[in-house]
PDB file of N, CA and C in Angstrom:
ATOM      1  N   MET A   1       0.807  -1.149  -0.002  1.00  0.00           N
ATOM      2  CA  MET A   1      -0.016   0.003   0.008  1.00  0.00           C
ATOM      3  C   MET A   1       0.858   1.248  -0.009  1.00  0.00           C
ATOM      4  N   THR A   2       1.081   1.696  -1.110  1.00  0.00           N
ATOM      5  CA  THR A   2       1.870   2.922  -1.242  1.00  0.00           C
ATOM      6  C   THR A   2       0.966   4.083  -1.646  1.00  0.00           C
ATOM      7  N   LYS A   3       1.208   5.147  -1.010  1.00  0.00           N
ATOM      8  CA  LYS A   3       0.438   6.350  -1.325  1.00  0.00           C
ATOM      9  C   LYS A   3       1.175   7.136  -2.426  1.00  0.00           C
ATOM     10  N   GLU A   4       0.374   7.565  -3.396  1.00  0.00           N
ATOM     11  CA  GLU A   4       1.015   8.387  -4.394  1.00  0.00           C
ATOM     12  C   GLU A   4       0.951   9.828  -3.942  1.00  0.00           C
ATOM     13  N   LYS A   5       2.021  10.505  -4.140  1.00  0.00           N
ATOM     14  CA  LYS A   5       2.061  11.927  -3.810  1.00  0.00           C
ATOM     15  C   LYS A   5       1.373  12.679  -4.935  1.00  0.00           C
ATOM     16  N   PRO A   6       0.432  13.537  -4.568  1.00  0.00           N
ATOM     17  CA  PRO A   6      -0.226  14.336  -5.578  1.00  0.00           C
ATOM     18  C   PRO A   6       0.761  15.330  -6.208  1.00  0.00           C
ATOM     19  N   ASN A   7       0.885  15.245  -7.475  1.00  0.00           N
ATOM     20  CA  ASN A   7       1.811  16.212  -8.103  1.00  0.00           C
ATOM     21  C   ASN A   7       0.995  17.355  -8.714  1.00  0.00           C
ATOM     22  N   PHE A   8       1.661  18.398  -9.032  1.00  0.00           N
ATOM     23  CA  PHE A   8       0.988  19.622  -9.498  1.00  0.00           C
ATOM     24  C   PHE A   8       0.294  19.414 -10.831  1.00  0.00           C
ATOM     25  N   LYS A   9       0.895  18.638 -11.708  1.00  0.00           N
ATOM     26  CA  LYS A   9       0.319  18.447 -13.050  1.00  0.00           C
ATOM     27  C   LYS A   9      -0.978  17.691 -12.990  1.00  0.00           C
ATOM     28  N   SER A  10      -1.079  16.696 -12.155  1.00  0.00           N
ATOM     29  CA  SER A  10      -2.302  15.923 -12.010  1.00  0.00           C
ATOM     30  C   SER A  10      -3.430  16.790 -11.404  1.00  0.00           C
ATOM     31  N   LEU A  11      -3.053  17.670 -10.470  1.00  0.00           N
ATOM     32  CA  LEU A  11      -4.073  18.559  -9.893  1.00  0.00           C
ATOM     33  C   LEU A  11      -4.560  19.546 -10.936  1.00  0.00           C
ATOM     34  N   VAL A  12      -3.667  20.021 -11.781  1.00  0.00           N
ATOM     35  CA  VAL A  12      -4.066  20.997 -12.818  1.00  0.00           C
ATOM     36  C   VAL A  12      -4.984  20.306 -13.821  1.00  0.00           C
ATOM     37  N   THR A  13      -4.644  19.124 -14.224  1.00  0.00           N
ATOM     38  CA  THR A  13      -5.491  18.426 -15.217  1.00  0.00           C
ATOM     39  C   THR A  13      -6.868  18.098 -14.627  1.00  0.00           C
ATOM     40  N   LYS A  14      -6.920  17.717 -13.372  1.00  0.00           N
ATOM     41  CA  LYS A  14      -8.207  17.465 -12.731  1.00  0.00           C
ATOM     42  C   LYS A  14      -8.990  18.779 -12.635  1.00  0.00           C
ATOM     43  N   GLY A  15      -8.326  19.846 -12.286  1.00  0.00           N
ATOM     44  CA  GLY A  15      -9.004  21.135 -12.174  1.00  0.00           C
ATOM     45  C   GLY A  15      -9.542  21.626 -13.517  1.00  0.00           C
ATOM     46  N   VAL A  16      -8.813  21.392 -14.588  1.00  0.00           N
ATOM     47  CA  VAL A  16      -9.246  21.808 -15.903  1.00  0.00           C
ATOM     48  C   VAL A  16     -10.463  20.953 -16.304  1.00  0.00           C
ATOM     49  N   ALA A  17     -10.448  19.699 -15.994  1.00  0.00           N
ATOM     50  CA  ALA A  17     -11.600  18.824 -16.299  1.00  0.00           C
ATOM     51  C   ALA A  17     -12.803  19.256 -15.544  1.00  0.00           C
ATOM     52  N   ILE A  18     -12.654  19.611 -14.327  1.00  0.00           N
ATOM     53  CA  ILE A  18     -13.813  20.080 -13.508  1.00  0.00           C
ATOM     54  C   ILE A  18     -14.343  21.384 -14.052  1.00  0.00           C
ATOM     55  N   LEU A  19     -13.430  22.310 -14.418  1.00  0.00           N
ATOM     56  CA  LEU A  19     -13.851  23.562 -14.991  1.00  0.00           C
ATOM     57  C   LEU A  19     -14.629  23.405 -16.280  1.00  0.00           C
ATOM     58  N   LYS A  20     -14.202  22.470 -17.090  1.00  0.00           N
ATOM     59  CA  LYS A  20     -14.926  22.213 -18.348  1.00  0.00           C
ATOM     60  C   LYS A  20     -16.329  21.707 -18.106  1.00  0.00           C
ATOM     61  N   GLN A  21     -16.520  20.907 -17.097  1.00  0.00           N
ATOM     62  CA  GLN A  21     -17.843  20.406 -16.765  1.00  0.00           C
ATOM     63  C   GLN A  21     -18.704  21.522 -16.189  1.00  0.00           C
ATOM     64  N   VAL A  22     -18.136  22.375 -15.349  1.00  0.00           N
ATOM     65  CA  VAL A  22     -18.898  23.468 -14.718  1.00  0.00           C
ATOM     66  C   VAL A  22     -19.165  24.581 -15.714  1.00  0.00           C
ATOM     67  N   GLN A  23     -18.333  24.695 -16.713  1.00  0.00           N
ATOM     68  CA  GLN A  23     -18.450  25.760 -17.715  1.00  0.00           C
ATOM     69  C   GLN A  23     -19.764  25.650 -18.481  1.00  0.00           C
ATOM     70  N   ARG A  24     -20.293  24.500 -18.641  1.00  0.00           N
ATOM     71  CA  ARG A  24     -21.578  24.298 -19.317  1.00  0.00           C
ATOM     72  C   ARG A  24     -22.690  24.995 -18.538  1.00  0.00           C
ATOM     73  N   TYR A  25     -22.607  24.999 -17.282  1.00  0.00           N
ATOM     74  CA  TYR A  25     -23.648  25.550 -16.417  1.00  0.00           C
ATOM     75  C   TYR A  25     -23.279  26.919 -15.892  1.00  0.00           C
ATOM     76  N   GLY A  26     -22.303  27.582 -16.492  1.00  0.00           N
ATOM     77  CA  GLY A  26     -21.807  28.871 -16.047  1.00  0.00           C
ATOM     78  C   GLY A  26     -22.901  29.952 -15.994  1.00  0.00           C
ATOM     79  N   ILE A  27     -23.683  30.070 -17.045  1.00  0.00           N
ATOM     80  CA  ILE A  27     -24.727  31.099 -17.109  1.00  0.00           C
ATOM     81  C   ILE A  27     -25.775  30.834 -16.066  1.00  0.00           C
ATOM     82  N   VAL A  28     -26.189  29.542 -15.934  1.00  0.00           N
ATOM     83  CA  VAL A  28     -27.166  29.229 -14.917  1.00  0.00           C
ATOM     84  C   VAL A  28     -26.672  29.494 -13.511  1.00  0.00           C
ATOM     85  N   LEU A  29     -25.446  29.111 -13.259  1.00  0.00           N
ATOM     86  CA  LEU A  29     -24.887  29.360 -11.920  1.00  0.00           C
ATOM     87  C   LEU A  29     -24.788  30.897 -11.662  1.00  0.00           C
ATOM     88  N   PHE A  30     -24.398  31.659 -12.675  1.00  0.00           N
ATOM     89  CA  PHE A  30     -24.310  33.103 -12.511  1.00  0.00           C
ATOM     90  C   PHE A  30     -25.701  33.688 -12.247  1.00  0.00           C
ATOM     91  N   LEU A  31     -26.724  33.260 -12.979  1.00  0.00           N
ATOM     92  CA  LEU A  31     -28.068  33.765 -12.715  1.00  0.00           C
ATOM     93  C   LEU A  31     -28.583  33.400 -11.332  1.00  0.00           C
ATOM     94  N   VAL A  32     -28.289  32.183 -10.884  1.00  0.00           N
ATOM     95  CA  VAL A  32     -28.666  31.758  -9.551  1.00  0.00           C
ATOM     96  C   VAL A  32     -27.965  32.625  -8.503  1.00  0.00           C
ATOM     97  N   PHE A  33     -26.707  32.916  -8.719  1.00  0.00           N
ATOM     98  CA  PHE A  33     -25.953  33.772  -7.809  1.00  0.00           C
ATOM     99  C   PHE A  33     -26.553  35.177  -7.743  1.00  0.00           C
ATOM    100  N   VAL A  34     -26.869  35.736  -8.886  1.00  0.00           N
ATOM    101  CA  VAL A  34     -27.486  37.099  -8.944  1.00  0.00           C
ATOM    102  C   VAL A  34     -28.843  37.069  -8.270  1.00  0.00           C
ATOM    103  N   LEU A  35     -29.634  36.007  -8.519  1.00  0.00           N
ATOM    104  CA  LEU A  35     -30.945  35.938  -7.873  1.00  0.00           C
ATOM    105  C   LEU A  35     -30.805  35.850  -6.362  1.00  0.00           C
ATOM    106  N   LEU A  36     -29.887  35.066  -5.888  1.00  0.00           N
ATOM    107  CA  LEU A  36     -29.676  34.971  -4.444  1.00  0.00           C
ATOM    108  C   LEU A  36     -29.224  36.281  -3.829  1.00  0.00           C
ATOM    109  N   LEU A  37     -28.350  37.001  -4.597  1.00  0.00           N
ATOM    110  CA  LEU A  37     -27.877  38.285  -4.115  1.00  0.00           C
ATOM    111  C   LEU A  37     -29.024  39.293  -4.025  1.00  0.00           C
ATOM    112  N   TYR A  38     -29.837  39.366  -5.086  1.00  0.00           N
ATOM    113  CA  TYR A  38     -30.929  40.304  -5.073  1.00  0.00           C
ATOM    114  C   TYR A  38     -31.982  39.963  -4.010  1.00  0.00           C
ATOM    115  N   SER A  39     -32.271  38.676  -3.812  1.00  0.00           N
ATOM    116  CA  SER A  39     -33.220  38.318  -2.758  1.00  0.00           C
ATOM    117  C   SER A  39     -32.696  38.663  -1.393  1.00  0.00           C
ATOM    118  N   PHE A  40     -31.392  38.473  -1.159  1.00  0.00           N
ATOM    119  CA  PHE A  40     -30.795  38.846   0.119  1.00  0.00           C
ATOM    120  C   PHE A  40     -30.945  40.361   0.358  1.00  0.00           C
ATOM    121  N   ILE A  41     -30.662  41.143  -0.701  1.00  0.00           N
ATOM    122  CA  ILE A  41     -30.769  42.605  -0.540  1.00  0.00           C
ATOM    123  C   ILE A  41     -32.185  43.046  -0.298  1.00  0.00           C
ATOM    124  N   VAL A  42     -33.135  42.444  -0.986  1.00  0.00           N
ATOM    125  CA  VAL A  42     -34.545  42.826  -0.789  1.00  0.00           C
ATOM    126  C   VAL A  42     -35.026  42.412   0.628  1.00  0.00           C
ATOM    127  N   LEU A  43     -34.646  41.264   1.059  1.00  0.00           N
ATOM    128  CA  LEU A  43     -35.023  40.864   2.420  1.00  0.00           C
ATOM    129  C   LEU A  43     -34.371  41.731   3.505  1.00  0.00           C
ATOM    130  N   ARG A  44     -33.125  42.129   3.260  1.00  0.00           N
ATOM    131  CA  ARG A  44     -32.438  42.992   4.237  1.00  0.00           C
ATOM    132  C   ARG A  44     -33.053  44.365   4.257  1.00  0.00           C
ATOM    133  N   ILE A  45     -33.427  44.920   3.104  1.00  0.00           N
ATOM    134  CA  ILE A  45     -34.058  46.240   3.054  1.00  0.00           C
ATOM    135  C   ILE A  45     -35.421  46.149   3.761  1.00  0.00           C
ATOM    136  N   ASN A  46     -36.161  45.063   3.513  1.00  0.00           N
ATOM    137  CA  ASN A  46     -37.457  44.922   4.164  1.00  0.00           C
ATOM    138  C   ASN A  46     -37.334  44.801   5.660  1.00  0.00           C
ATOM    139  N   SER A  47     -36.359  44.051   6.143  1.00  0.00           N
ATOM    140  CA  SER A  47     -36.212  43.946   7.604  1.00  0.00           C
ATOM    141  C   SER A  47     -35.761  45.255   8.236  1.00  0.00           C
ATOM    142  N   LEU A  48     -34.884  45.997   7.533  1.00  0.00           N
ATOM    143  CA  LEU A  48     -34.427  47.274   8.118  1.00  0.00           C
ATOM    144  C   LEU A  48     -35.482  48.381   8.054  1.00  0.00           C
ATOM    145  N   SER A  49     -36.372  48.314   7.056  1.00  0.00           N
ATOM    146  CA  SER A  49     -37.403  49.343   6.972  1.00  0.00           C
ATOM    147  C   SER A  49     -38.501  49.133   8.007  1.00  0.00           C
ATOM    148  N   ASN A  50     -38.648  47.949   8.541  1.00  0.00           N
ATOM    149  CA  ASN A  50     -39.720  47.667   9.509  1.00  0.00           C
ATOM    150  C   ASN A  50     -39.289  47.838  10.949  1.00  0.00           C
ATOM    151  N   ILE A  51     -38.053  48.218  11.190  1.00  0.00           N
ATOM    152  CA  ILE A  51     -37.555  48.301  12.573  1.00  0.00           C
ATOM    153  C   ILE A  51     -38.070  49.625  13.185  1.00  0.00           C
ATOM    154  N   GLN A  52     -38.640  49.488  14.346  1.00  0.00           N
ATOM    155  CA  GLN A  52     -39.155  50.625  15.095  1.00  0.00           C
ATOM    156  C   GLN A  52     -38.067  51.099  16.082  1.00  0.00           C
ATOM    157  N   PRO A  53     -37.904  52.433  16.236  1.00  0.00           N
ATOM    158  CA  PRO A  53     -36.915  52.896  17.176  1.00  0.00           C
ATOM    159  C   PRO A  53     -37.312  52.601  18.611  1.00  0.00           C
ATOM    160  N   SER A  54     -36.327  52.415  19.440  1.00  0.00           N
ATOM    161  CA  SER A  54     -36.599  52.118  20.856  1.00  0.00           C
ATOM    162  C   SER A  54     -37.081  53.372  21.545  1.00  0.00           C
ATOM    163  N   SER A  55     -37.720  53.178  22.681  1.00  0.00           N
ATOM    164  CA  SER A  55     -38.258  54.306  23.421  1.00  0.00           C
ATOM    165  C   SER A  55     -37.110  55.179  24.011  1.00  0.00           C
ATOM    166  N   ASP A  56     -35.969  54.602  24.267  1.00  0.00           N
ATOM    167  CA  ASP A  56     -34.833  55.369  24.705  1.00  0.00           C
ATOM    168  C   ASP A  56     -34.322  56.284  23.617  1.00  0.00           C
ATOM    169  N   ALA A  57     -34.270  55.762  22.378  1.00  0.00           N
ATOM    170  CA  ALA A  57     -33.810  56.606  21.271  1.00  0.00           C
ATOM    171  C   ALA A  57     -34.767  57.738  21.004  1.00  0.00           C
ATOM    172  N   VAL A  58     -36.047  57.446  21.106  1.00  0.00           N
ATOM    173  CA  VAL A  58     -37.072  58.515  20.876  1.00  0.00           C
ATOM    174  C   VAL A  58     -36.963  59.582  21.973  1.00  0.00           C
ATOM    175  N   SER A  59     -36.833  59.156  23.224  1.00  0.00           N
ATOM    176  CA  SER A  59     -36.764  60.111  24.293  1.00  0.00           C
ATOM    177  C   SER A  59     -35.481  60.931  24.237  1.00  0.00           C
ATOM    178  N   SER A  60     -34.374  60.381  23.835  1.00  0.00           N
ATOM    179  CA  SER A  60     -33.149  61.142  23.715  1.00  0.00           C
ATOM    180  C   SER A  60     -33.252  62.149  22.577  1.00  0.00           C
ATOM    181  N   GLN A  61     -33.927  61.821  21.486  1.00  0.00           N
ATOM    182  CA  GLN A  61     -34.119  62.778  20.416  1.00  0.00           C
ATOM    183  C   GLN A  61     -35.067  63.875  20.829  1.00  0.00           C
ATOM    184  N   VAL A  62     -36.079  63.561  21.614  1.00  0.00           N
ATOM    185  CA  VAL A  62     -36.997  64.571  22.072  1.00  0.00           C
ATOM    186  C   VAL A  62     -36.304  65.541  23.005  1.00  0.00           C
ATOM    187  N   LYS A  63     -35.453  65.000  23.856  1.00  0.00           N
ATOM    188  CA  LYS A  63     -34.709  65.883  24.785  1.00  0.00           C
ATOM    189  C   LYS A  63     -33.694  66.778  24.043  1.00  0.00           C
ATOM    190  N   ALA A  64     -33.109  66.238  22.961  1.00  0.00           N
ATOM    191  CA  ALA A  64     -32.122  66.980  22.186  1.00  0.00           C
ATOM    192  C   ALA A  64     -32.772  68.104  21.364  1.00  0.00           C
ATOM    193  N   ALA A  65     -34.064  67.963  21.024  1.00  0.00           N
ATOM    194  CA  ALA A  65     -34.716  68.986  20.187  1.00  0.00           C
ATOM    195  C   ALA A  65     -35.027  70.217  21.034  1.00  0.00           C
ATOM    196  N   ARG A  66     -34.613  71.355  20.494  1.00  0.00           N
ATOM    197  CA  ARG A  66     -34.836  72.611  21.225  1.00  0.00           C
ATOM    198  C   ARG A  66     -36.155  73.204  20.766  1.00  0.00           C
ATOM    199  N   ILE A  67     -36.923  73.723  21.738  1.00  0.00           N
ATOM    200  CA  ILE A  67     -38.181  74.384  21.438  1.00  0.00           C
ATOM    201  C   ILE A  67     -37.862  75.808  21.003  1.00  0.00           C
ATOM    202  N   PRO A  68     -38.411  76.227  19.874  1.00  0.00           N
ATOM    203  CA  PRO A  68     -38.133  77.594  19.431  1.00  0.00           C
ATOM    204  C   PRO A  68     -38.748  78.597  20.377  1.00  0.00           C
ATOM    205  N   HIS A  69     -37.996  79.649  20.629  1.00  0.00           N
ATOM    206  CA  HIS A  69     -38.459  80.669  21.557  1.00  0.00           C
ATOM    207  C   HIS A  69     -38.422  82.013  20.838  1.00  0.00           C
ATOM    208  N   VAL A  70     -39.546  82.743  20.848  1.00  0.00           N
ATOM    209  CA  VAL A  70     -39.589  84.051  20.242  1.00  0.00           C
ATOM    210  C   VAL A  70     -39.737  85.058  21.404  1.00  0.00           C
ATOM    211  N   ASP A  71     -38.864  86.034  21.358  1.00  0.00           N
ATOM    212  CA  ASP A  71     -38.848  87.045  22.402  1.00  0.00           C
ATOM    213  C   ASP A  71     -40.169  87.865  22.301  1.00  0.00           C
ATOM    214  N   GLN A  72     -40.694  88.186  23.465  1.00  0.00           N
ATOM    215  CA  GLN A  72     -41.988  88.892  23.549  1.00  0.00           C
ATOM    216  C   GLN A  72     -41.856  90.304  22.949  1.00  0.00           C
ATOM    217  N   SER A  73     -40.701  90.941  23.063  1.00  0.00           N
ATOM    218  CA  SER A  73     -40.561  92.279  22.469  1.00  0.00           C
ATOM    219  C   SER A  73     -40.611  92.231  20.951  1.00  0.00           C
ATOM    220  N   VAL A  74     -40.098  91.157  20.360  1.00  0.00           N
ATOM    221  CA  VAL A  74     -40.154  91.010  18.906  1.00  0.00           C
ATOM    222  C   VAL A  74     -41.610  90.804  18.460  1.00  0.00           C
ATOM    223  N   VAL A  75     -42.361  90.047  19.240  1.00  0.00           N
ATOM    224  CA  VAL A  75     -43.747  89.842  18.926  1.00  0.00           C
ATOM    225  C   VAL A  75     -44.538  91.165  18.953  1.00  0.00           C
ATOM    226  N   LYS A  76     -44.270  91.961  19.957  1.00  0.00           N
ATOM    227  CA  LYS A  76     -44.949  93.258  20.060  1.00  0.00           C
ATOM    228  C   LYS A  76     -44.564  94.185  18.931  1.00  0.00           C
ATOM    229  N   GLN A  77     -43.292  94.181  18.542  1.00  0.00           N
ATOM    230  CA  GLN A  77     -42.822  95.038  17.476  1.00  0.00           C
ATOM    231  C   GLN A  77     -43.466  94.597  16.123  1.00  0.00           C
ATOM    232  N   LEU A  78     -43.561  93.290  15.889  1.00  0.00           N
ATOM    233  CA  LEU A  78     -44.225  92.840  14.669  1.00  0.00           C
ATOM    234  C   LEU A  78     -45.699  93.185  14.643  1.00  0.00           C
ATOM    235  N   GLN A  79     -46.345  93.091  15.747  1.00  0.00           N
ATOM    236  CA  GLN A  79     -47.763  93.441  15.827  1.00  0.00           C
ATOM    237  C   GLN A  79     -47.982  94.957  15.583  1.00  0.00           C
ATOM    238  N   SER A  80     -47.095  95.749  16.144  1.00  0.00           N
ATOM    239  CA  SER A  80     -47.241  97.211  15.920  1.00  0.00           C
ATOM    240  C   SER A  80     -46.959  97.554  14.459  1.00  0.00           C
ATOM    241  N   LEU A  81     -45.964  96.904  13.818  1.00  0.00           N
ATOM    242  CA  LEU A  81     -45.729  97.120  12.386  1.00  0.00           C
ATOM    243  C   LEU A  81     -46.949  96.692  11.552  1.00  0.00           C
ATOM    244  N   GLN A  82     -47.518  95.589  11.940  1.00  0.00           N
ATOM    245  CA  GLN A  82     -48.661  95.104  11.189  1.00  0.00           C
ATOM    246  C   GLN A  82     -49.834  96.080  11.310  1.00  0.00           C
ATOM    247  N   ASP A  83     -50.045  96.592  12.469  1.00  0.00           N
ATOM    248  CA  ASP A  83     -51.174  97.525  12.683  1.00  0.00           C
ATOM    249  C   ASP A  83     -50.945  98.851  11.945  1.00  0.00           C
ATOM    250  N   ASN A  84     -49.698  99.261  11.753  1.00  0.00           N
ATOM    251  CA  ASN A  84     -49.397 100.592  11.179  1.00  0.00           C
ATOM    252  C   ASN A  84     -49.382 100.573   9.631  1.00  0.00           C
ATOM    253  N   SER A  85     -49.187  99.461   9.006  1.00  0.00           N
ATOM    254  CA  SER A  85     -49.012  99.435   7.576  1.00  0.00           C
ATOM    255  C   SER A  85     -50.020  98.487   6.929  1.00  0.00           C
ATOM    256  N   VAL A  86     -50.684  99.011   5.902  1.00  0.00           N
ATOM    257  CA  VAL A  86     -51.666  98.218   5.170  1.00  0.00           C
ATOM    258  C   VAL A  86     -51.017  97.136   4.329  1.00  0.00           C
ATOM    259  N   SER A  87     -49.858  97.466   3.727  1.00  0.00           N
ATOM    260  CA  SER A  87     -49.176  96.484   2.899  1.00  0.00           C
ATOM    261  C   SER A  87     -48.654  95.305   3.733  1.00  0.00           C
ATOM    262  N   VAL A  88     -48.233  95.588   4.958  1.00  0.00           N
ATOM    263  CA  VAL A  88     -47.779  94.538   5.838  1.00  0.00           C
ATOM    264  C   VAL A  88     -48.941  93.676   6.273  1.00  0.00           C
ATOM    265  N   GLN A  89     -50.092  94.296   6.502  1.00  0.00           N
ATOM    266  CA  GLN A  89     -51.304  93.533   6.857  1.00  0.00           C
ATOM    267  C   GLN A  89     -51.680  92.535   5.756  1.00  0.00           C
ATOM    268  N   THR A  90     -51.618  92.988   4.484  1.00  0.00           N
ATOM    269  CA  THR A  90     -51.929  92.065   3.398  1.00  0.00           C
ATOM    270  C   THR A  90     -50.898  90.985   3.266  1.00  0.00           C
ATOM    271  N   LEU A  91     -49.641  91.338   3.535  1.00  0.00           N
ATOM    272  CA  LEU A  91     -48.568  90.338   3.504  1.00  0.00           C
ATOM    273  C   LEU A  91     -48.775  89.246   4.553  1.00  0.00           C
ATOM    274  N   PHE A  92     -49.153  89.671   5.774  1.00  0.00           N
ATOM    275  CA  PHE A  92     -49.418  88.702   6.794  1.00  0.00           C
ATOM    276  C   PHE A  92     -50.624  87.857   6.479  1.00  0.00           C
ATOM    277  N   ASN A  93     -51.668  88.463   5.915  1.00  0.00           N
ATOM    278  CA  ASN A  93     -52.883  87.696   5.587  1.00  0.00           C
ATOM    279  C   ASN A  93     -52.592  86.687   4.488  1.00  0.00           C
ATOM    280  N   GLN A  94     -51.800  87.096   3.486  1.00  0.00           N
ATOM    281  CA  GLN A  94     -51.454  86.128   2.448  1.00  0.00           C
ATOM    282  C   GLN A  94     -50.626  85.009   2.993  1.00  0.00           C
ATOM    283  N   ALA A  95     -49.723  85.308   3.870  1.00  0.00           N
ATOM    284  CA  ALA A  95     -48.853  84.277   4.462  1.00  0.00           C
ATOM    285  C   ALA A  95     -49.689  83.294   5.324  1.00  0.00           C
ATOM    286  N   ARG A  96     -50.677  83.796   5.955  1.00  0.00           N
ATOM    287  CA  ARG A  96     -51.559  82.927   6.735  1.00  0.00           C
ATOM    288  C   ARG A  96     -52.401  82.037   5.884  1.00  0.00           C
ATOM    289  N   SER A  97     -52.890  82.562   4.777  1.00  0.00           N
ATOM    290  CA  SER A  97     -53.769  81.785   3.925  1.00  0.00           C
ATOM    291  C   SER A  97     -53.002  80.703   3.138  1.00  0.00           C
ATOM    292  N   ASN A  98     -51.747  81.049   2.718  1.00  0.00           N
ATOM    293  CA  ASN A  98     -50.973  80.071   1.973  1.00  0.00           C
ATOM    294  C   ASN A  98     -49.518  80.195   2.419  1.00  0.00           C
ATOM    295  N   PRO A  99     -49.134  79.485   3.478  1.00  0.00           N
ATOM    296  CA  PRO A  99     -47.775  79.649   4.007  1.00  0.00           C
ATOM    297  C   PRO A  99     -46.681  79.050   3.135  1.00  0.00           C
ATOM    298  N   PHE A 100     -47.014  78.243   2.146  1.00  0.00           N
ATOM    299  CA  PHE A 100     -45.978  77.621   1.326  1.00  0.00           C
ATOM    300  C   PHE A 100     -45.796  78.308  -0.013  1.00  0.00           C
ATOM    301  N   GLN A 101     -46.307  79.459  -0.176  1.00  0.00           N
ATOM    302  CA  GLN A 101     -46.158  80.165  -1.433  1.00  0.00           C
ATOM    303  C   GLN A 101     -44.925  80.950  -1.480  1.00  0.00           C
TER     304      GLN A 101
END
């Protein structure tokens, strides 16, 4: 019982023979690979889009958000300007009726 040492030439010839057999199914294997890749990506996107944030993350974002503060003197000044000018009154009324214009 003698073991033959695998030589490089026999490995190359066996590898070439296997590649010739697999080459027939190359397009099919490539399409299966692309299909598996796309399905993995779609499933991953679906799982990530359905994740709800934790209550800790929501509360930390709420605490980090600053509430806008308008100085009372600025409010009084704007109201006095609005009362004194007709063109400013129309401007304010237009802005109230359509704020995205």
